[in-house]
Amino acid sequence: MEKEILVVLDRKGNTLDVWFGKPRKAICDEISEGFLIKKDVKTNEVIGFEKMNFVLKGKKPEIKLLVKSKN
């Protein structure tokens, strides 16, 4: 099953925002300092995450994602 991943880098706010699918209403849980998990309001499914205080200096970021199948 294909799923769209949206990555938004806010250089002014120093945040990296990642959505699995289209952004929607979410509840956020801070699981470590400056790292939030976004969960769907109705289903509690993880639908994204946000990294605060994300600062890039010069280089383009390298982002690695590990996607696990439920199978």
PDB file of N, CA and C in Angstrom:
ATOM      1  N   MET A   1       0.837  -1.170   0.000  1.00  0.00           N
ATOM      2  CA  MET A   1       0.000   0.000   0.000  1.00  0.00           C
ATOM      3  C   MET A   1       0.887   1.241   0.000  1.00  0.00           C
ATOM      4  N   GLU A   2       0.644   2.154  -0.936  1.00  0.00           N
ATOM      5  CA  GLU A   2       1.400   3.397  -1.014  1.00  0.00           C
ATOM      6  C   GLU A   2       0.797   4.434  -0.097  1.00  0.00           C
ATOM      7  N   LYS A   3       1.649   5.243   0.502  1.00  0.00           N
ATOM      8  CA  LYS A   3       1.199   6.322   1.356  1.00  0.00           C
ATOM      9  C   LYS A   3       2.076   7.539   1.083  1.00  0.00           C
ATOM     10  N   GLU A   4       1.441   8.665   0.911  1.00  0.00           N
ATOM     11  CA  GLU A   4       2.163   9.909   0.680  1.00  0.00           C
ATOM     12  C   GLU A   4       2.830  10.360   1.978  1.00  0.00           C
ATOM     13  N   ILE A   5       4.061  10.859   1.884  1.00  0.00           N
ATOM     14  CA  ILE A   5       4.748  11.424   3.029  1.00  0.00           C
ATOM     15  C   ILE A   5       5.051  12.878   2.698  1.00  0.00           C
ATOM     16  N   LEU A   6       4.597  13.780   3.560  1.00  0.00           N
ATOM     17  CA  LEU A   6       4.809  15.205   3.377  1.00  0.00           C
ATOM     18  C   LEU A   6       5.844  15.668   4.398  1.00  0.00           C
ATOM     19  N   VAL A   7       6.917  16.295   3.908  1.00  0.00           N
ATOM     20  CA  VAL A   7       7.973  16.802   4.774  1.00  0.00           C
ATOM     21  C   VAL A   7       8.021  18.314   4.624  1.00  0.00           C
ATOM     22  N   VAL A   8       7.884  19.024   5.750  1.00  0.00           N
ATOM     23  CA  VAL A   8       7.895  20.489   5.732  1.00  0.00           C
ATOM     24  C   VAL A   8       9.004  20.978   6.656  1.00  0.00           C
ATOM     25  N   LEU A   9       9.938  21.738   6.092  1.00  0.00           N
ATOM     26  CA  LEU A   9      11.020  22.319   6.868  1.00  0.00           C
ATOM     27  C   LEU A   9      10.736  23.805   7.036  1.00  0.00           C
ATOM     28  N   ASP A  10      10.594  24.244   8.266  1.00  0.00           N
ATOM     29  CA  ASP A  10      10.361  25.651   8.569  1.00  0.00           C
ATOM     30  C   ASP A  10      11.664  26.219   9.125  1.00  0.00           C
ATOM     31  N   ARG A  11      12.422  26.910   8.280  1.00  0.00           N
ATOM     32  CA  ARG A  11      13.728  27.436   8.693  1.00  0.00           C
ATOM     33  C   ARG A  11      13.591  28.567   9.710  1.00  0.00           C
ATOM     34  N   LYS A  12      12.532  29.364   9.606  1.00  0.00           N
ATOM     35  CA  LYS A  12      12.336  30.462  10.566  1.00  0.00           C
ATOM     36  C   LYS A  12      11.956  29.918  11.944  1.00  0.00           C
ATOM     37  N   GLY A  13      11.064  28.940  11.974  1.00  0.00           N
ATOM     38  CA  GLY A  13      10.619  28.355  13.239  1.00  0.00           C
ATOM     39  C   GLY A  13      11.493  27.217  13.728  1.00  0.00           C
ATOM     40  N   ASN A  14      12.477  26.822  12.889  1.00  0.00           N
ATOM     41  CA  ASN A  14      13.390  25.715  13.211  1.00  0.00           C
ATOM     42  C   ASN A  14      12.644  24.430  13.561  1.00  0.00           C
ATOM     43  N   THR A  15      11.690  24.053  12.710  1.00  0.00           N
ATOM     44  CA  THR A  15      10.982  22.789  12.914  1.00  0.00           C
ATOM     45  C   THR A  15      10.996  21.953  11.649  1.00  0.00           C
ATOM     46  N   LEU A  16      11.004  20.648  11.837  1.00  0.00           N
ATOM     47  CA  LEU A  16      10.840  19.690  10.755  1.00  0.00           C
ATOM     48  C   LEU A  16       9.539  18.960  11.042  1.00  0.00           C
ATOM     49  N   ASP A  17       8.607  19.057  10.109  1.00  0.00           N
ATOM     50  CA  ASP A  17       7.261  18.506  10.289  1.00  0.00           C
ATOM     51  C   ASP A  17       7.041  17.421   9.236  1.00  0.00           C
ATOM     52  N   VAL A  18       6.700  16.219   9.663  1.00  0.00           N
ATOM     53  CA  VAL A  18       6.497  15.095   8.751  1.00  0.00           C
ATOM     54  C   VAL A  18       5.105  14.518   8.961  1.00  0.00           C
ATOM     55  N   TRP A  19       4.363  14.374   7.852  1.00  0.00           N
ATOM     56  CA  TRP A  19       3.010  13.797   7.880  1.00  0.00           C
ATOM     57  C   TRP A  19       2.981  12.532   7.034  1.00  0.00           C
ATOM     58  N   PHE A  20       2.348  11.503   7.540  1.00  0.00           N
ATOM     59  CA  PHE A  20       2.119  10.278   6.775  1.00  0.00           C
ATOM     60  C   PHE A  20       0.719  10.397   6.189  1.00  0.00           C
ATOM     61  N   GLY A  21       0.629  10.772   4.919  1.00  0.00           N
ATOM     62  CA  GLY A  21      -0.654  11.082   4.307  1.00  0.00           C
ATOM     63  C   GLY A  21      -0.922  12.572   4.427  1.00  0.00           C
ATOM     64  N   LYS A  22      -2.146  12.985   4.152  1.00  0.00           N
ATOM     65  CA  LYS A  22      -2.507  14.395   4.199  1.00  0.00           C
ATOM     66  C   LYS A  22      -2.620  14.868   5.644  1.00  0.00           C
ATOM     67  N   PRO A  23      -2.125  16.096   5.929  1.00  0.00           N
ATOM     68  CA  PRO A  23      -2.257  16.631   7.286  1.00  0.00           C
ATOM     69  C   PRO A  23      -3.724  16.691   7.719  1.00  0.00           C
ATOM     70  N   ARG A  24      -3.950  16.377   8.982  1.00  0.00           N
ATOM     71  CA  ARG A  24      -5.307  16.432   9.543  1.00  0.00           C
ATOM     72  C   ARG A  24      -5.224  16.711  11.041  1.00  0.00           C
ATOM     73  N   LYS A  25      -6.368  16.891  11.646  1.00  0.00           N
ATOM     74  CA  LYS A  25      -6.431  17.198  13.068  1.00  0.00           C
ATOM     75  C   LYS A  25      -5.730  16.098  13.860  1.00  0.00           C
ATOM     76  N   ALA A  26      -4.865  16.538  14.794  1.00  0.00           N
ATOM     77  CA  ALA A  26      -4.058  15.561  15.525  1.00  0.00           C
ATOM     78  C   ALA A  26      -3.886  15.964  16.989  1.00  0.00           C
ATOM     79  N   ILE A  27      -3.596  14.952  17.789  1.00  0.00           N
ATOM     80  CA  ILE A  27      -3.186  15.134  19.176  1.00  0.00           C
ATOM     81  C   ILE A  27      -1.677  14.886  19.191  1.00  0.00           C
ATOM     82  N   CYS A  28      -0.925  15.741  19.868  1.00  0.00           N
ATOM     83  CA  CYS A  28       0.530  15.594  19.897  1.00  0.00           C
ATOM     84  C   CYS A  28       0.995  15.132  21.269  1.00  0.00           C
ATOM     85  N   ASP A  29       1.898  14.154  21.262  1.00  0.00           N
ATOM     86  CA  ASP A  29       2.534  13.666  22.485  1.00  0.00           C
ATOM     87  C   ASP A  29       4.030  13.925  22.360  1.00  0.00           C
ATOM     88  N   GLU A  30       4.614  14.631  23.331  1.00  0.00           N
ATOM     89  CA  GLU A  30       6.051  14.855  23.324  1.00  0.00           C
ATOM     90  C   GLU A  30       6.714  13.623  23.937  1.00  0.00           C
ATOM     91  N   ILE A  31       7.439  12.862  23.094  1.00  0.00           N
ATOM     92  CA  ILE A  31       8.036  11.611  23.582  1.00  0.00           C
ATOM     93  C   ILE A  31       9.467  11.802  24.076  1.00  0.00           C
ATOM     94  N   SER A  32      10.101  12.877  23.654  1.00  0.00           N
ATOM     95  CA  SER A  32      11.392  13.290  24.204  1.00  0.00           C
ATOM     96  C   SER A  32      11.488  14.791  23.957  1.00  0.00           C
ATOM     97  N   GLU A  33      12.458  15.425  24.571  1.00  0.00           N
ATOM     98  CA  GLU A  33      12.531  16.880  24.478  1.00  0.00           C
ATOM     99  C   GLU A  33      12.612  17.339  23.022  1.00  0.00           C
ATOM    100  N   GLY A  34      11.598  18.085  22.589  1.00  0.00           N
ATOM    101  CA  GLY A  34      11.577  18.639  21.247  1.00  0.00           C
ATOM    102  C   GLY A  34      11.158  17.681  20.149  1.00  0.00           C
ATOM    103  N   PHE A  35      10.645  16.504  20.504  1.00  0.00           N
ATOM    104  CA  PHE A  35      10.210  15.532  19.501  1.00  0.00           C
ATOM    105  C   PHE A  35       8.778  15.121  19.797  1.00  0.00           C
ATOM    106  N   LEU A  36       7.877  15.446  18.885  1.00  0.00           N
ATOM    107  CA  LEU A  36       6.453  15.177  19.062  1.00  0.00           C
ATOM    108  C   LEU A  36       5.967  14.104  18.102  1.00  0.00           C
ATOM    109  N   ILE A  37       5.115  13.238  18.577  1.00  0.00           N
ATOM    110  CA  ILE A  37       4.407  12.266  17.731  1.00  0.00           C
ATOM    111  C   ILE A  37       2.988  12.788  17.552  1.00  0.00           C
ATOM    112  N   LYS A  38       2.512  12.771  16.303  1.00  0.00           N
ATOM    113  CA  LYS A  38       1.149  13.225  16.011  1.00  0.00           C
ATOM    114  C   LYS A  38       0.248  12.014  15.834  1.00  0.00           C
ATOM    115  N   LYS A  39      -0.900  12.028  16.530  1.00  0.00           N
ATOM    116  CA  LYS A  39      -1.848  10.915  16.446  1.00  0.00           C
ATOM    117  C   LYS A  39      -3.207  11.425  16.000  1.00  0.00           C
ATOM    118  N   ASP A  40      -3.888  10.625  15.178  1.00  0.00           N
ATOM    119  CA  ASP A  40      -5.233  10.965  14.725  1.00  0.00           C
ATOM    120  C   ASP A  40      -6.161  11.104  15.928  1.00  0.00           C
ATOM    121  N   VAL A  41      -6.975  12.155  15.919  1.00  0.00           N
ATOM    122  CA  VAL A  41      -7.879  12.451  17.025  1.00  0.00           C
ATOM    123  C   VAL A  41      -8.865  11.314  17.281  1.00  0.00           C
ATOM    124  N   LYS A  42      -9.380  10.707  16.208  1.00  0.00           N
ATOM    125  CA  LYS A  42     -10.411   9.676  16.357  1.00  0.00           C
ATOM    126  C   LYS A  42      -9.840   8.274  16.550  1.00  0.00           C
ATOM    127  N   THR A  43      -8.802   7.924  15.782  1.00  0.00           N
ATOM    128  CA  THR A  43      -8.315   6.537  15.780  1.00  0.00           C
ATOM    129  C   THR A  43      -7.069   6.301  16.634  1.00  0.00           C
ATOM    130  N   ASN A  44      -6.387   7.386  17.034  1.00  0.00           N
ATOM    131  CA  ASN A  44      -5.155   7.310  17.798  1.00  0.00           C
ATOM    132  C   ASN A  44      -3.989   6.735  16.977  1.00  0.00           C
ATOM    133  N   GLU A  45      -4.162   6.628  15.663  1.00  0.00           N
ATOM    134  CA  GLU A  45      -3.121   6.148  14.747  1.00  0.00           C
ATOM    135  C   GLU A  45      -2.035   7.220  14.621  1.00  0.00           C
ATOM    136  N   VAL A  46      -0.760   6.816  14.602  1.00  0.00           N
ATOM    137  CA  VAL A  46       0.335   7.766  14.386  1.00  0.00           C
ATOM    138  C   VAL A  46       0.273   8.248  12.943  1.00  0.00           C
ATOM    139  N   ILE A  47       0.166   9.580  12.786  1.00  0.00           N
ATOM    140  CA  ILE A  47       0.035  10.155  11.444  1.00  0.00           C
ATOM    141  C   ILE A  47       1.166  11.123  11.106  1.00  0.00           C
ATOM    142  N   GLY A  48       2.148  11.230  12.002  1.00  0.00           N
ATOM    143  CA  GLY A  48       3.277  12.096  11.720  1.00  0.00           C
ATOM    144  C   GLY A  48       4.107  12.383  12.953  1.00  0.00           C
ATOM    145  N   PHE A  49       5.116  13.239  12.754  1.00  0.00           N
ATOM    146  CA  PHE A  49       5.944  13.668  13.864  1.00  0.00           C
ATOM    147  C   PHE A  49       6.507  15.048  13.576  1.00  0.00           C
ATOM    148  N   GLU A  50       6.980  15.702  14.625  1.00  0.00           N
ATOM    149  CA  GLU A  50       7.585  17.017  14.491  1.00  0.00           C
ATOM    150  C   GLU A  50       8.840  17.074  15.343  1.00  0.00           C
ATOM    151  N   LYS A  51       9.906  17.594  14.755  1.00  0.00           N
ATOM    152  CA  LYS A  51      11.170  17.800  15.475  1.00  0.00           C
ATOM    153  C   LYS A  51      11.349  19.297  15.623  1.00  0.00           C
ATOM    154  N   MET A  52      11.370  19.757  16.872  1.00  0.00           N
ATOM    155  CA  MET A  52      11.565  21.176  17.156  1.00  0.00           C
ATOM    156  C   MET A  52      13.059  21.456  17.299  1.00  0.00           C
ATOM    157  N   ASN A  53      13.429  22.732  17.180  1.00  0.00           N
ATOM    158  CA  ASN A  53      14.838  23.146  17.258  1.00  0.00           C
ATOM    159  C   ASN A  53      15.695  22.430  16.232  1.00  0.00           C
ATOM    160  N   PHE A  54      15.144  22.278  15.035  1.00  0.00           N
ATOM    161  CA  PHE A  54      15.828  21.601  13.930  1.00  0.00           C
ATOM    162  C   PHE A  54      16.570  22.663  13.123  1.00  0.00           C
ATOM    163  N   VAL A  55      17.899  22.678  13.218  1.00  0.00           N
ATOM    164  CA  VAL A  55      18.702  23.705  12.551  1.00  0.00           C
ATOM    165  C   VAL A  55      19.634  23.053  11.551  1.00  0.00           C
ATOM    166  N   LEU A  56      19.621  23.595  10.335  1.00  0.00           N
ATOM    167  CA  LEU A  56      20.519  23.110   9.288  1.00  0.00           C
ATOM    168  C   LEU A  56      21.624  24.130   9.084  1.00  0.00           C
ATOM    169  N   LYS A  57      22.824  23.662   8.953  1.00  0.00           N
ATOM    170  CA  LYS A  57      23.947  24.557   8.692  1.00  0.00           C
ATOM    171  C   LYS A  57      24.653  24.098   7.432  1.00  0.00           C
ATOM    172  N   GLY A  58      24.337  24.756   6.333  1.00  0.00           N
ATOM    173  CA  GLY A  58      25.040  24.503   5.080  1.00  0.00           C
ATOM    174  C   GLY A  58      24.547  23.324   4.266  1.00  0.00           C
ATOM    175  N   LYS A  59      24.649  22.114   4.776  1.00  0.00           N
ATOM    176  CA  LYS A  59      24.320  20.910   4.007  1.00  0.00           C
ATOM    177  C   LYS A  59      22.815  20.701   3.887  1.00  0.00           C
ATOM    178  N   LYS A  60      22.448  19.958   2.871  1.00  0.00           N
ATOM    179  CA  LYS A  60      21.062  19.503   2.762  1.00  0.00           C
ATOM    180  C   LYS A  60      20.885  18.351   3.746  1.00  0.00           C
ATOM    181  N   PRO A  61      19.706  18.252   4.347  1.00  0.00           N
ATOM    182  CA  PRO A  61      19.512  17.180   5.339  1.00  0.00           C
ATOM    183  C   PRO A  61      19.403  15.807   4.687  1.00  0.00           C
ATOM    184  N   GLU A  62      19.823  14.799   5.405  1.00  0.00           N
ATOM    185  CA  GLU A  62      19.612  13.420   4.983  1.00  0.00           C
ATOM    186  C   GLU A  62      18.582  12.838   5.932  1.00  0.00           C
ATOM    187  N   ILE A  63      17.477  12.393   5.363  1.00  0.00           N
ATOM    188  CA  ILE A  63      16.396  11.856   6.178  1.00  0.00           C
ATOM    189  C   ILE A  63      16.238  10.380   5.860  1.00  0.00           C
ATOM    190  N   LYS A  64      16.288   9.554   6.877  1.00  0.00           N
ATOM    191  CA  LYS A  64      16.111   8.115   6.699  1.00  0.00           C
ATOM    192  C   LYS A  64      14.858   7.693   7.451  1.00  0.00           C
ATOM    193  N   LEU A  65      14.005   6.950   6.788  1.00  0.00           N
ATOM    194  CA  LEU A  65      12.792   6.450   7.405  1.00  0.00           C
ATOM    195  C   LEU A  65      12.767   4.934   7.315  1.00  0.00           C
ATOM    196  N   LEU A  66      12.363   4.311   8.385  1.00  0.00           N
ATOM    197  CA  LEU A  66      12.177   2.865   8.396  1.00  0.00           C
ATOM    198  C   LEU A  66      10.678   2.618   8.492  1.00  0.00           C
ATOM    199  N   VAL A  67      10.133   2.002   7.465  1.00  0.00           N
ATOM    200  CA  VAL A  67       8.700   1.742   7.431  1.00  0.00           C
ATOM    201  C   VAL A  67       8.491   0.246   7.608  1.00  0.00           C
ATOM    202  N   LYS A  68       7.742  -0.105   8.639  1.00  0.00           N
ATOM    203  CA  LYS A  68       7.482  -1.516   8.921  1.00  0.00           C
ATOM    204  C   LYS A  68       6.082  -1.864   8.472  1.00  0.00           C
ATOM    205  N   SER A  69       5.953  -3.007   7.855  1.00  0.00           N
ATOM    206  CA  SER A  69       4.663  -3.503   7.420  1.00  0.00           C
ATOM    207  C   SER A  69       4.018  -4.260   8.570  1.00  0.00           C
ATOM    208  N   LYS A  70       2.687  -4.245   8.607  1.00  0.00           N
ATOM    209  CA  LYS A  70       1.967  -4.992   9.653  1.00  0.00           C
ATOM    210  C   LYS A  70       1.930  -6.486   9.346  1.00  0.00           C
ATOM    211  N   ASN A  71       2.380  -6.890   8.175  1.00  0.00           N
ATOM    212  CA  ASN A  71       2.323  -8.310   7.781  1.00  0.00           C
ATOM    213  C   ASN A  71       3.273  -9.146   8.575  1.00  0.00           C
TER     214      ASN A  71
END
